[in-house]
Amino acid sequence: MNNLLKLHTAACRRQTGIMWLILAAAPFVLAAAGCGGVERQEMIFDRYPPTEALAVYVDNFRGDVQVEADPTVTGPVVKARLHARHEWFRVKMNTFGAAKLDRTLDEVNVQADLDHGTGDQQGLAILRVMATTAFDVDRDPDLQWVDLHITAPSVDGVDIRTQDGSVDLVGISGAVTVANHNGNVVVRTTQPLVDPVTITTSDGHIYYRVTGESAGAFDIETIGGKAHIKAVEGTLSVQQEGQSRILAQFNDGGNPIVLRTTHDQIRVAVTPDPMPLGIFGMW
């Protein structure tokens, strides 16, 4: 079978029945100046009835993660784009040609499972997406990565882990946990955020954009960067404000909002229209 085109089917049994995951891959070969690389796009279609509340958990070994709440879709959809790349001179010298480069993507595995919580989380559907690789990353840590795009009708809570990529959370609600390294993190939502939020990254900006219906106790710190907070609606009370450290309370909220990065900026904006990010993260 052509290793550029595979069809994987997995059946996942849950309390409510059987969920089928179909993984279809289509090849894309990129030609970019200064590098040689291979890209595959894989689609995971999850067939099950829409849920009223869906939490998203993502563990990606490397790459971008975007989670978007879109009420126009009927159910969750996970798109995974696999990448492998080497410097141009390695490919040109045929020390790691395109065919061999593509074969390394066979070692990448993307899984998506839907389950329903138990105990305190009973009834809350949880979409778990994991991207792993069997490749020895110590040999070449920059060789492979996976970009994930997850869409669901409604997202109530996210837990994201990745590195060397950006995280973009759009239209979400609920508690937020993001652990990134060497990448930006952006939260943009018109849904009120009134639950705990913890976002950590390094060598990346954090942009947190919400409406005046949100609330929380902000604990913001960047090492080697600048911190900013601005609210054009709602009530903002600033207890401490310096170039890199801000403590503030918004709308008397007690839910902690902890934002941490290094070498880059943190910008918090409370605005009637939080979805546009603007140029260079401006308000």
Protein backbone atom coordinates (compact mmCIF):
# COMPACT_ATOMS: atom_id res chain seq x y z
CA MET A 1 0.00 0.00 0.00
CA ASN A 2 1.26 3.46 -0.84
CA ASN A 3 2.59 4.84 2.39
CA LEU A 4 1.28 8.27 1.41
CA LEU A 5 -2.32 7.05 1.45
CA LYS A 6 -3.73 5.03 4.33
CA LEU A 7 -7.17 4.41 5.71
CA HIS A 8 -7.47 3.58 9.37
CA THR A 9 -10.73 2.64 11.03
CA ALA A 10 -11.14 2.15 14.76
CA ALA A 11 -14.23 1.24 16.72
CA CYS A 12 -14.50 2.71 20.21
CA ARG A 13 -17.13 1.31 22.56
CA ARG A 14 -18.66 3.70 25.07
CA GLN A 15 -21.53 3.56 27.50
CA THR A 16 -23.84 5.08 24.91
CA GLY A 17 -22.85 2.75 22.08
CA ILE A 18 -20.18 2.57 19.41
CA MET A 19 -18.24 5.51 18.07
CA TRP A 20 -16.44 5.05 14.77
CA LEU A 21 -13.29 6.95 14.00
CA ILE A 22 -12.27 7.13 10.37
CA LEU A 23 -8.78 8.33 9.57
CA ALA A 24 -8.14 9.23 5.95
CA ALA A 25 -4.78 10.53 4.77
CA ALA A 26 -3.97 12.56 1.67
CA PRO A 27 -0.44 13.52 0.62
CA PHE A 28 0.92 16.98 0.18
CA VAL A 29 4.52 17.67 -0.78
CA LEU A 30 5.79 21.13 0.03
CA ALA A 31 8.57 22.98 -1.72
CA ALA A 32 9.87 25.81 0.42
CA ALA A 33 12.95 27.92 0.06
CA GLY A 34 15.62 26.93 2.53
CA CYS A 35 14.08 23.61 3.61
CA GLY A 36 12.89 20.25 2.36
CA GLY A 37 9.78 18.72 3.79
CA VAL A 38 6.80 16.41 3.52
CA GLU A 39 3.28 17.12 4.75
CA ARG A 40 0.29 14.83 5.14
CA GLN A 41 -3.19 15.88 6.02
CA GLU A 42 -5.24 13.41 8.01
CA MET A 43 -8.90 13.78 8.87
CA ILE A 44 -10.51 12.09 11.83
CA PHE A 45 -14.28 12.09 11.57
CA ASP A 46 -16.12 11.27 14.79
CA ARG A 47 -19.63 9.97 14.18
CA TYR A 48 -21.87 10.30 17.22
CA PRO A 49 -24.84 12.42 18.31
CA PRO A 50 -23.99 16.01 19.26
CA THR A 51 -23.51 16.64 22.98
CA GLU A 52 -24.68 19.65 24.96
CA ALA A 53 -21.36 19.99 26.81
CA LEU A 54 -17.99 18.88 25.48
CA ALA A 55 -14.62 19.24 27.20
CA VAL A 56 -11.42 18.91 25.17
CA TYR A 57 -8.16 17.31 26.31
CA VAL A 58 -5.14 17.47 23.99
CA ASP A 59 -1.65 16.03 24.43
CA ASN A 60 0.51 16.83 21.39
CA PHE A 61 4.19 15.91 21.33
CA ARG A 62 4.95 18.95 19.15
CA GLY A 63 3.01 21.43 17.02
CA ASP A 64 0.05 23.83 16.86
CA VAL A 65 -3.27 23.23 18.59
CA GLN A 66 -6.46 25.10 17.73
CA VAL A 67 -9.73 24.45 19.54
CA GLU A 68 -12.76 26.26 18.17
CA ALA A 69 -16.38 26.29 19.28
CA ASP A 70 -18.55 26.57 16.19
CA PRO A 71 -22.33 26.22 16.67
CA THR A 72 -22.80 25.61 12.93
CA VAL A 73 -21.17 22.15 13.06
CA THR A 74 -23.23 19.13 14.10
CA GLY A 75 -20.49 17.28 15.98
CA PRO A 76 -16.80 17.36 16.88
CA VAL A 77 -14.26 17.17 14.06
CA VAL A 78 -10.53 16.62 14.51
CA LYS A 79 -8.10 17.49 11.72
CA ALA A 80 -4.46 16.50 12.06
CA ARG A 81 -1.74 17.65 9.69
CA LEU A 82 1.54 15.74 9.97
CA HIS A 83 4.87 17.33 9.06
CA ALA A 84 8.46 16.17 8.64
CA ARG A 85 11.24 18.47 7.54
CA HIS A 86 15.00 18.64 7.26
CA GLU A 87 17.36 21.39 6.24
CA TRP A 88 17.69 21.69 2.48
CA PHE A 89 21.30 20.54 2.36
CA ARG A 90 20.47 17.20 3.99
CA VAL A 91 17.82 16.51 1.36
CA LYS A 92 19.99 17.78 -1.48
CA MET A 93 22.87 15.53 -0.43
CA ASN A 94 20.36 12.65 -0.25
CA THR A 95 21.33 11.92 3.34
CA PHE A 96 17.65 12.10 4.27
CA GLY A 97 15.66 12.11 1.02
CA ALA A 98 11.96 12.88 0.63
CA ALA A 99 10.91 9.21 0.57
CA LYS A 100 12.76 8.43 3.78
CA LEU A 101 11.49 11.66 5.27
CA ASP A 102 7.91 10.62 4.53
CA ARG A 103 8.43 7.18 6.04
CA THR A 104 9.24 8.78 9.37
CA LEU A 105 5.61 9.97 9.48
CA ASP A 106 4.55 6.33 9.72
CA GLU A 107 5.88 6.54 13.28
CA VAL A 108 3.43 9.33 14.15
CA ASN A 109 0.12 8.29 15.70
CA VAL A 110 -2.95 10.46 16.24
CA GLN A 111 -5.83 9.14 18.35
CA ALA A 112 -9.19 10.71 19.17
CA ASP A 113 -11.62 9.21 21.68
CA LEU A 114 -14.91 10.42 23.06
CA ASP A 115 -16.04 9.28 26.48
CA HIS A 116 -18.48 10.37 29.12
CA GLY A 117 -17.19 11.31 32.54
CA THR A 118 -17.92 9.44 35.74
CA GLY A 119 -18.36 10.63 39.29
CA ASP A 120 -18.36 14.42 39.56
CA GLN A 121 -18.02 14.70 35.77
CA GLN A 122 -20.78 12.23 34.93
CA GLY A 123 -22.64 13.25 31.80
CA LEU A 124 -19.90 15.58 30.54
CA ALA A 125 -18.55 14.37 27.22
CA ILE A 126 -14.76 14.54 26.95
CA LEU A 127 -12.93 14.52 23.63
CA ARG A 128 -9.37 13.28 24.13
CA VAL A 129 -6.87 13.84 21.32
CA MET A 130 -3.32 12.52 21.53
CA ALA A 131 -0.47 12.86 19.03
CA THR A 132 2.61 10.75 19.70
CA THR A 133 5.67 9.56 17.81
CA ALA A 134 7.82 6.46 18.03
CA PHE A 135 10.70 8.34 16.41
CA ASP A 136 13.70 8.94 18.66
CA VAL A 137 13.34 12.67 19.12
CA ASP A 138 16.76 12.84 20.74
CA ARG A 139 18.21 12.08 17.29
CA ASP A 140 16.46 15.05 15.70
CA PRO A 141 14.01 16.95 17.93
CA ASP A 142 12.96 19.27 15.10
CA LEU A 143 12.13 16.57 12.54
CA GLN A 144 8.41 15.96 13.13
CA TRP A 145 5.37 17.83 14.35
CA VAL A 146 1.58 17.63 14.18
CA ASP A 147 -0.83 20.55 13.80
CA LEU A 148 -4.26 19.85 15.32
CA HIS A 149 -7.51 21.67 14.56
CA ILE A 150 -10.48 20.67 16.72
CA THR A 151 -13.97 21.99 16.12
CA ALA A 152 -17.08 21.29 18.21
CA PRO A 153 -20.54 22.87 18.54
CA SER A 154 -19.75 23.92 22.12
CA VAL A 155 -16.59 23.62 24.21
CA ASP A 156 -16.87 23.69 28.01
CA GLY A 157 -13.35 23.31 29.40
CA VAL A 158 -9.97 22.69 27.75
CA ASP A 159 -6.71 21.08 28.86
CA ILE A 160 -3.89 21.47 26.31
CA ARG A 161 -0.28 20.27 26.33
CA THR A 162 2.14 20.90 23.47
CA GLN A 163 5.46 22.53 22.57
CA ASP A 164 7.09 24.34 19.65
CA GLY A 165 3.70 25.48 18.39
CA SER A 166 0.93 27.98 18.99
CA VAL A 167 -2.30 27.37 20.91
CA ASP A 168 -5.45 29.17 19.77
CA LEU A 169 -8.67 28.80 21.78
CA VAL A 170 -11.68 30.34 20.04
CA GLY A 171 -15.20 30.71 21.42
CA ILE A 172 -14.57 28.36 24.32
CA SER A 173 -15.95 28.43 27.87
CA GLY A 174 -15.24 26.66 31.15
CA ALA A 175 -11.94 26.03 32.91
CA VAL A 176 -8.76 26.47 30.88
CA THR A 177 -5.38 24.80 31.35
CA VAL A 178 -2.59 25.26 28.80
CA ALA A 179 1.01 24.09 29.14
CA ASN A 180 3.08 25.16 26.15
CA HIS A 181 6.78 25.67 25.46
CA ASN A 182 8.25 27.89 22.78
CA GLY A 183 4.96 29.11 21.38
CA ASN A 184 2.16 31.67 21.67
CA VAL A 185 -1.15 31.10 23.45
CA VAL A 186 -4.29 32.99 22.41
CA VAL A 187 -7.72 32.91 24.08
CA ARG A 188 -10.54 34.67 22.20
CA THR A 189 -14.11 34.13 23.28
CA THR A 190 -17.45 35.86 23.64
CA GLN A 191 -18.51 33.25 26.21
CA PRO A 192 -18.17 34.37 29.86
CA LEU A 193 -15.04 32.88 31.44
CA VAL A 194 -15.72 32.54 35.17
CA ASP A 195 -13.75 29.36 35.95
CA PRO A 196 -10.08 28.84 36.86
CA VAL A 197 -7.54 29.55 34.11
CA THR A 198 -3.87 28.55 34.08
CA ILE A 199 -1.76 29.32 31.01
CA THR A 200 1.99 28.78 30.98
CA THR A 201 4.41 29.02 28.09
CA SER A 202 7.98 30.11 27.40
CA ASP A 203 9.37 32.20 24.57
CA GLY A 204 5.84 32.99 23.46
CA HIS A 205 3.19 35.70 23.84
CA ILE A 206 -0.08 35.24 25.75
CA TYR A 207 -3.18 37.09 24.51
CA TYR A 208 -6.28 36.75 26.70
CA ARG A 209 -9.35 38.43 25.21
CA VAL A 210 -12.81 38.20 26.83
CA THR A 211 -16.01 40.20 27.27
CA GLY A 212 -17.29 42.13 30.27
CA GLU A 213 -19.41 39.17 31.42
CA SER A 214 -16.24 37.32 32.45
CA ALA A 215 -14.63 37.51 35.89
CA GLY A 216 -11.53 36.46 37.76
CA ALA A 217 -8.51 37.25 39.91
CA PHE A 218 -5.55 37.88 37.59
CA ASP A 219 -2.02 36.82 38.49
CA ILE A 220 0.12 37.83 35.52
CA GLU A 221 3.89 37.57 35.21
CA THR A 222 6.38 37.54 32.36
CA ILE A 223 10.12 37.16 32.88
CA GLY A 224 11.95 39.38 30.45
CA GLY A 225 8.80 40.71 28.79
CA LYS A 226 5.98 43.19 29.36
CA ALA A 227 2.53 42.69 30.89
CA HIS A 228 -0.55 44.72 29.97
CA ILE A 229 -4.18 44.69 31.08
CA LYS A 230 -7.05 46.82 29.79
CA ALA A 231 -10.80 46.68 30.36
CA VAL A 232 -13.24 48.85 28.40
CA GLU A 233 -16.23 47.27 30.14
CA GLY A 234 -16.83 45.66 33.51
CA THR A 235 -15.03 46.59 36.74
CA LEU A 236 -11.24 46.20 36.94
CA SER A 237 -9.42 46.66 40.24
CA VAL A 238 -5.62 46.62 39.98
CA GLN A 239 -3.71 45.80 43.18
CA GLN A 240 -0.23 45.70 41.67
CA GLU A 241 0.99 46.78 38.25
CA GLY A 242 4.55 46.81 36.99
CA GLN A 243 6.27 46.27 33.70
CA SER A 244 6.27 42.48 34.03
CA ARG A 245 3.89 41.74 36.92
CA ILE A 246 0.19 42.47 37.43
CA LEU A 247 -2.25 41.49 40.16
CA ALA A 248 -5.84 42.50 39.48
CA GLN A 249 -9.44 41.51 40.07
CA PHE A 250 -12.13 41.76 37.44
CA ASN A 251 -15.84 41.93 38.29
CA ASP A 252 -15.06 40.79 41.86
CA GLY A 253 -14.24 37.33 40.53
CA GLY A 254 -12.52 34.84 42.81
CA ASN A 255 -11.59 32.29 40.15
CA PRO A 256 -7.80 32.40 39.66
CA ILE A 257 -6.45 33.41 36.26
CA VAL A 258 -2.73 32.63 36.21
CA LEU A 259 -0.74 33.69 33.13
CA ARG A 260 3.00 32.99 32.84
CA THR A 261 5.61 33.34 30.09
CA THR A 262 9.25 34.29 29.52
CA HIS A 263 10.88 36.81 27.16
CA ASP A 264 7.56 37.86 25.61
CA GLN A 265 4.46 39.89 26.38
CA ILE A 266 1.17 39.11 28.08
CA ARG A 267 -1.84 41.17 26.98
CA VAL A 268 -5.24 40.95 28.66
CA ALA A 269 -8.12 42.79 27.00
CA VAL A 270 -11.74 42.98 28.12
CA THR A 271 -13.68 44.25 25.15
CA PRO A 272 -17.15 43.94 23.57
CA ASP A 273 -15.56 42.26 20.53
CA PRO A 274 -12.72 39.99 21.68
CA MET A 275 -12.50 37.82 18.58
CA PRO A 276 -10.24 40.01 16.37
CA LEU A 277 -6.65 39.88 17.55
CA GLY A 278 -5.43 42.84 15.54
CA ILE A 279 -1.93 43.55 14.32
CA PHE A 280 0.83 42.33 16.61
CA GLY A 281 -1.69 41.62 19.35
CA MET A 282 -2.80 45.22 19.74
CA TRP A 283 -6.04 45.95 21.55
